[in-house]
Amino acid sequence: MCNRTRPLATALALAVVAACSDDPTGPISMDFEWSGTVLPGDQIEIKGISGNIQFTGDQGTQVVVSATKTGGQSDVASVTIEVVTHAGGVTICAVYPDVAGQPPNVCGPDDQGHLSAEDNDVTVDFTVLVPEGVTAVGKTVAGSVRADQLEGDVFAVTVSGNIDLTTTTIATGVTVSGIVTADIGSADWGRDLEFAAVSGSVTVTVPAATNAFVVATVVSGTITSDFPLTDAGPGRREGTLGSGGPTLALAAVSGNVTLRRGP
């Protein structure tokens, strides 16, 4: 799977190795819950294939992860949920049966492990309570990733689904088919940030005092910005916010790009 933030090509690759069957009928649900301590600066990472991921900021001291498995023709017990504790935090995966011709499915953090699915209609929806300072990482193939009122970094990638992120710090979001919306609270970043969609629009709000270099690109769509940006070629606009800094990359192939000025 992906690292904390990955280029759009990674999401496209995920689409090749993961497939889901038709919508389930007569669903059966099975619940899962895990709670534990993740230190500030470390990450809670959720990896799925079919299903949504919902992060919510919480004033508690522990991460709480809940999941609901729903299946139709496929047995919900065929999909397990595995928890891997590592030096950088905790990774939790929905692990489907192995696919013939593919490496065995293994849950691992960041780029480690392998997850794929075929002819299995089980959907796994995750909800995660995230304490202040903990990094949230959500990766799925068919599903949306949302983060509400987080007080830590959040990084999201999906193939088919929307991304909607709100945090007091920084975020990234990449989808192939869906809408990307993000509200970033930090004005100074220690890294580049990327928000991209192939089929869908991208809207990002950053603080008025942000220090960054913006590159906004579209193929079929428009670019709108509350900050001054200059034309840098067909479908491309650039600009320096404040004193400059890391790059904020905003990209859409079939959709619009909007950069908004926050408080």
Foldseek 3Di string as FASTA:
>chain_A
DAALADDQVVLVVQVVQADADDAADPKDKDKDKDKDAWDQQAAEEEEEAAEAEEEEEDADRMKMKMKMKIFHPADSVQWDWDWDQDPRGIYIYTAHADDPPDPHADDDPHPDGDHYDDHGHMHMYMYMYDYARYEYEYEYEHYEYEYYAHNYEYEYEYEHYEYYYEYLAYYEYEYAHYEYEYEYNDQEDPEEHEYEYAHYEYEYEYELQHFAKEKEFEAAEEEEEPDDWDDDDVRITIDGRHNHDHYHYHYYYHYYYYYHYDD
